[in-house]
Amino acid sequence: MQLIYKYAILYFLLFSLALLVSGLVIFDDKIGLSYQSVLDYYLGNEEKFIVAKSPQGLLKIILPHIFSFGLFVMVILHFLAFTKHAKNKNVSILIYATFFVSFLELASPFLILQGVEFFAYVKIISFVTFEFLILYALWLVFDSIIND
């Protein structure tokens, strides 16, 4: 791989890492990482003056995230597909798991609004799992560039 491509991918990895960190900070600040805070965010809480989300409001938030999640994941996993790790069976599992977890992360708020409060746990677990899977994919791409 040419050096200029390595630099471009390294910059992308650096900005992706910044995106993951800022996403975690925003999620923790806005929604929270506890079961009750997730329920409060989506279902509302009169004591805390939190207004419940509507399905239309959720759709306005989630619609751009569908595109950005898909594009972000596709680019990272596309880079990963051209590394020395591509033939590893665990990478196939990583690819499928990343898309599945991102789907759960985006779909769980609608199920919380429908009264299936268990999906507050799914929201938290899928968010944290998504962060770790992307971080692992970034590490594999970084490792491939450095040790090429």
C-alpha atoms as a PDB file:
ATOM      1  CA  MET A   1       0.000   0.000   0.000  1.00  0.00           C
ATOM      2  CA  GLN A   2       1.321   3.424  -0.876  1.00  0.00           C
ATOM      3  CA  LEU A   3       2.334   5.712   1.956  1.00  0.00           C
ATOM      4  CA  ILE A   4      -0.196   8.415   1.038  1.00  0.00           C
ATOM      5  CA  TYR A   5      -3.056   5.914   1.410  1.00  0.00           C
ATOM      6  CA  LYS A   6      -1.735   4.857   4.794  1.00  0.00           C
ATOM      7  CA  TYR A   7      -1.741   8.477   5.957  1.00  0.00           C
ATOM      8  CA  ALA A   8      -5.253   9.058   4.640  1.00  0.00           C
ATOM      9  CA  ILE A   9      -6.574   5.952   6.385  1.00  0.00           C
ATOM     10  CA  LEU A  10      -4.742   6.839   9.601  1.00  0.00           C
ATOM     11  CA  TYR A  11      -6.376  10.269   9.594  1.00  0.00           C
ATOM     12  CA  PHE A  12      -9.745   8.630   9.016  1.00  0.00           C
ATOM     13  CA  LEU A  13      -9.092   6.262  11.927  1.00  0.00           C
ATOM     14  CA  LEU A  14      -8.140   9.178  14.155  1.00  0.00           C
ATOM     15  CA  PHE A  15     -11.317  11.087  13.313  1.00  0.00           C
ATOM     16  CA  SER A  16     -13.337   7.893  13.735  1.00  0.00           C
ATOM     17  CA  LEU A  17     -11.898   7.475  17.212  1.00  0.00           C
ATOM     18  CA  ALA A  18     -12.866  11.071  18.002  1.00  0.00           C
ATOM     19  CA  LEU A  19     -16.369  10.314  16.705  1.00  0.00           C
ATOM     20  CA  LEU A  20     -16.656   7.266  18.980  1.00  0.00           C
ATOM     21  CA  VAL A  21     -15.512   9.202  22.039  1.00  0.00           C
ATOM     22  CA  SER A  22     -17.809  12.146  21.336  1.00  0.00           C
ATOM     23  CA  GLY A  23     -20.705   9.759  20.670  1.00  0.00           C
ATOM     24  CA  LEU A  24     -20.151   8.093  24.033  1.00  0.00           C
ATOM     25  CA  VAL A  25     -19.979  11.441  25.835  1.00  0.00           C
ATOM     26  CA  ILE A  26     -23.125  12.745  24.122  1.00  0.00           C
ATOM     27  CA  PHE A  27     -25.035   9.498  24.742  1.00  0.00           C
ATOM     28  CA  ASP A  28     -24.085   9.537  28.420  1.00  0.00           C
ATOM     29  CA  ASP A  29     -24.947  13.222  28.789  1.00  0.00           C
ATOM     30  CA  LYS A  30     -28.214  13.204  26.832  1.00  0.00           C
ATOM     31  CA  ILE A  31     -29.668   9.748  27.487  1.00  0.00           C
ATOM     32  CA  GLY A  32     -27.514   8.144  30.166  1.00  0.00           C
ATOM     33  CA  LEU A  33     -26.157   4.659  30.584  1.00  0.00           C
ATOM     34  CA  SER A  34     -28.637   3.392  33.168  1.00  0.00           C
ATOM     35  CA  TYR A  35     -31.889   1.526  32.628  1.00  0.00           C
ATOM     36  CA  GLN A  36     -33.995   4.232  34.280  1.00  0.00           C
ATOM     37  CA  SER A  37     -32.323   7.108  32.425  1.00  0.00           C
ATOM     38  CA  VAL A  38     -33.038   5.418  29.082  1.00  0.00           C
ATOM     39  CA  LEU A  39     -36.677   4.916  30.048  1.00  0.00           C
ATOM     40  CA  ASP A  40     -36.918   8.520  31.248  1.00  0.00           C
ATOM     41  CA  TYR A  41     -35.441   9.822  28.003  1.00  0.00           C
ATOM     42  CA  TYR A  42     -37.871   7.949  25.750  1.00  0.00           C
ATOM     43  CA  LEU A  43     -40.988   7.654  27.921  1.00  0.00           C
ATOM     44  CA  GLY A  44     -40.618  10.947  29.784  1.00  0.00           C
ATOM     45  CA  ASN A  45     -40.538  11.718  33.487  1.00  0.00           C
ATOM     46  CA  GLU A  46     -42.814  14.341  35.023  1.00  0.00           C
ATOM     47  CA  GLU A  47     -40.687  14.665  38.166  1.00  0.00           C
ATOM     48  CA  LYS A  48     -37.611  15.530  36.090  1.00  0.00           C
ATOM     49  CA  PHE A  49     -39.603  17.577  33.533  1.00  0.00           C
ATOM     50  CA  ILE A  50     -38.608  15.269  30.677  1.00  0.00           C
ATOM     51  CA  VAL A  51     -41.096  15.157  27.812  1.00  0.00           C
ATOM     52  CA  ALA A  52     -41.821  11.745  26.282  1.00  0.00           C
ATOM     53  CA  LYS A  53     -40.606  11.166  22.743  1.00  0.00           C
ATOM     54  CA  SER A  54     -43.174  10.629  20.013  1.00  0.00           C
ATOM     55  CA  PRO A  55     -42.744   8.109  17.191  1.00  0.00           C
ATOM     56  CA  GLN A  56     -42.498  11.014  14.733  1.00  0.00           C
ATOM     57  CA  GLY A  57     -39.843  12.696  16.880  1.00  0.00           C
ATOM     58  CA  LEU A  58     -37.861   9.468  17.056  1.00  0.00           C
ATOM     59  CA  LEU A  59     -38.100   9.036  13.316  1.00  0.00           C
ATOM     60  CA  LYS A  60     -36.684  12.539  12.786  1.00  0.00           C
ATOM     61  CA  ILE A  61     -33.715  11.634  14.983  1.00  0.00           C
ATOM     62  CA  ILE A  62     -33.142   8.092  13.746  1.00  0.00           C
ATOM     63  CA  LEU A  63     -33.557   8.663  10.009  1.00  0.00           C
ATOM     64  CA  PRO A  64     -30.247  10.538   9.541  1.00  0.00           C
ATOM     65  CA  HIS A  65     -28.578   8.064  11.898  1.00  0.00           C
ATOM     66  CA  ILE A  66     -29.585   5.160   9.647  1.00  0.00           C
ATOM     67  CA  PHE A  67     -27.642   6.704   6.779  1.00  0.00           C
ATOM     68  CA  SER A  68     -24.661   7.791   8.865  1.00  0.00           C
ATOM     69  CA  PHE A  69     -24.373   4.478  10.756  1.00  0.00           C
ATOM     70  CA  GLY A  70     -24.555   2.525   7.518  1.00  0.00           C
ATOM     71  CA  LEU A  71     -22.009   4.689   5.741  1.00  0.00           C
ATOM     72  CA  PHE A  72     -19.611   4.832   8.693  1.00  0.00           C
ATOM     73  CA  VAL A  73     -19.749   1.079   9.290  1.00  0.00           C
ATOM     74  CA  MET A  74     -19.457   0.307   5.575  1.00  0.00           C
ATOM     75  CA  VAL A  75     -16.336   2.465   5.175  1.00  0.00           C
ATOM     76  CA  ILE A  76     -14.571   1.024   8.215  1.00  0.00           C
ATOM     77  CA  LEU A  77     -15.438  -2.563   7.360  1.00  0.00           C
ATOM     78  CA  HIS A  78     -14.544  -1.909   3.717  1.00  0.00           C
ATOM     79  CA  PHE A  79     -11.054  -0.864   4.831  1.00  0.00           C
ATOM     80  CA  LEU A  80     -10.940  -3.991   6.975  1.00  0.00           C
ATOM     81  CA  ALA A  81     -11.867  -6.191   4.011  1.00  0.00           C
ATOM     82  CA  PHE A  82      -8.632  -5.158   2.270  1.00  0.00           C
ATOM     83  CA  THR A  83      -6.316  -5.940   5.169  1.00  0.00           C
ATOM     84  CA  LYS A  84      -4.398  -9.039   6.137  1.00  0.00           C
ATOM     85  CA  HIS A  85      -7.222  -9.819   8.595  1.00  0.00           C
ATOM     86  CA  ALA A  86      -9.834 -10.221   5.850  1.00  0.00           C
ATOM     87  CA  LYS A  87      -9.466 -13.990   5.571  1.00  0.00           C
ATOM     88  CA  ASN A  88     -10.006 -14.481   9.306  1.00  0.00           C
ATOM     89  CA  LYS A  89     -13.420 -16.000  10.095  1.00  0.00           C
ATOM     90  CA  ASN A  90     -13.727 -13.713  13.117  1.00  0.00           C
ATOM     91  CA  VAL A  91     -13.786 -10.729  10.764  1.00  0.00           C
ATOM     92  CA  SER A  92     -16.908 -12.127   9.093  1.00  0.00           C
ATOM     93  CA  ILE A  93     -18.506 -12.437  12.510  1.00  0.00           C
ATOM     94  CA  LEU A  94     -17.397  -8.884  13.304  1.00  0.00           C
ATOM     95  CA  ILE A  95     -19.008  -7.576  10.110  1.00  0.00           C
ATOM     96  CA  TYR A  96     -22.351  -9.293  10.705  1.00  0.00           C
ATOM     97  CA  ALA A  97     -22.351  -8.444  14.409  1.00  0.00           C
ATOM     98  CA  THR A  98     -21.639  -4.767  13.758  1.00  0.00           C
ATOM     99  CA  PHE A  99     -24.555  -4.368  11.364  1.00  0.00           C
ATOM    100  CA  PHE A 100     -26.882  -6.399  13.610  1.00  0.00           C
ATOM    101  CA  VAL A 101     -25.973  -4.419  16.737  1.00  0.00           C
ATOM    102  CA  SER A 102     -26.357  -1.107  14.911  1.00  0.00           C
ATOM    103  CA  PHE A 103     -29.829  -2.229  13.811  1.00  0.00           C
ATOM    104  CA  LEU A 104     -30.736  -3.069  17.423  1.00  0.00           C
ATOM    105  CA  GLU A 105     -29.377   0.261  18.602  1.00  0.00           C
ATOM    106  CA  LEU A 106     -31.532   2.146  16.106  1.00  0.00           C
ATOM    107  CA  ALA A 107     -34.686   0.024  16.481  1.00  0.00           C
ATOM    108  CA  SER A 108     -34.813  -0.319  20.276  1.00  0.00           C
ATOM    109  CA  PRO A 109     -36.236   3.186  20.956  1.00  0.00           C
ATOM    110  CA  PHE A 110     -39.349   2.345  18.924  1.00  0.00           C
ATOM    111  CA  LEU A 111     -39.865  -0.814  20.953  1.00  0.00           C
ATOM    112  CA  ILE A 112     -39.392   1.122  24.198  1.00  0.00           C
ATOM    113  CA  LEU A 113     -42.139   3.519  23.066  1.00  0.00           C
ATOM    114  CA  GLN A 114     -44.396   0.530  22.360  1.00  0.00           C
ATOM    115  CA  GLY A 115     -44.133  -0.449  26.022  1.00  0.00           C
ATOM    116  CA  VAL A 116     -41.468  -3.140  25.821  1.00  0.00           C
ATOM    117  CA  GLU A 117     -39.315  -1.593  28.543  1.00  0.00           C
ATOM    118  CA  PHE A 118     -36.847  -4.488  28.417  1.00  0.00           C
ATOM    119  CA  PHE A 119     -35.451  -2.862  25.286  1.00  0.00           C
ATOM    120  CA  ALA A 120     -33.926  -0.138  27.460  1.00  0.00           C
ATOM    121  CA  TYR A 121     -31.351  -2.795  28.364  1.00  0.00           C
ATOM    122  CA  VAL A 122     -31.036  -3.709  24.692  1.00  0.00           C
ATOM    123  CA  LYS A 123     -30.433  -0.026  23.858  1.00  0.00           C
ATOM    124  CA  ILE A 124     -27.610   0.259  26.400  1.00  0.00           C
ATOM    125  CA  ILE A 125     -26.022  -3.084  25.549  1.00  0.00           C
ATOM    126  CA  SER A 126     -26.258  -2.521  21.795  1.00  0.00           C
ATOM    127  CA  PHE A 127     -24.771   0.978  22.075  1.00  0.00           C
ATOM    128  CA  VAL A 128     -21.809  -0.178  24.164  1.00  0.00           C
ATOM    129  CA  THR A 129     -21.323  -3.270  21.985  1.00  0.00           C
ATOM    130  CA  PHE A 130     -21.439  -1.141  18.832  1.00  0.00           C
ATOM    131  CA  GLU A 131     -18.773   1.155  20.264  1.00  0.00           C
ATOM    132  CA  PHE A 132     -16.500  -1.784  21.121  1.00  0.00           C
ATOM    133  CA  LEU A 133     -17.017  -3.551  17.784  1.00  0.00           C
ATOM    134  CA  ILE A 134     -16.148  -0.401  15.852  1.00  0.00           C
ATOM    135  CA  LEU A 135     -13.167   0.210  18.121  1.00  0.00           C
ATOM    136  CA  TYR A 136     -11.976  -3.344  17.456  1.00  0.00           C
ATOM    137  CA  ALA A 137     -12.416  -2.887  13.693  1.00  0.00           C
ATOM    138  CA  LEU A 138     -10.457   0.378  13.881  1.00  0.00           C
ATOM    139  CA  TRP A 139      -7.711  -1.442  15.771  1.00  0.00           C
ATOM    140  CA  LEU A 140      -7.527  -4.207  13.149  1.00  0.00           C
ATOM    141  CA  VAL A 141      -7.236  -1.657  10.333  1.00  0.00           C
ATOM    142  CA  PHE A 142      -4.608   0.285  12.300  1.00  0.00           C
ATOM    143  CA  ASP A 143      -2.662  -2.910  13.015  1.00  0.00           C
ATOM    144  CA  SER A 144      -2.737  -3.843   9.356  1.00  0.00           C
ATOM    145  CA  ILE A 145      -1.417  -0.439   8.290  1.00  0.00           C
ATOM    146  CA  ILE A 146       1.342  -0.290  10.890  1.00  0.00           C
ATOM    147  CA  ASN A 147       2.511  -3.877  10.413  1.00  0.00           C
ATOM    148  CA  ASP A 148       2.225  -3.948   6.612  1.00  0.00           C
END
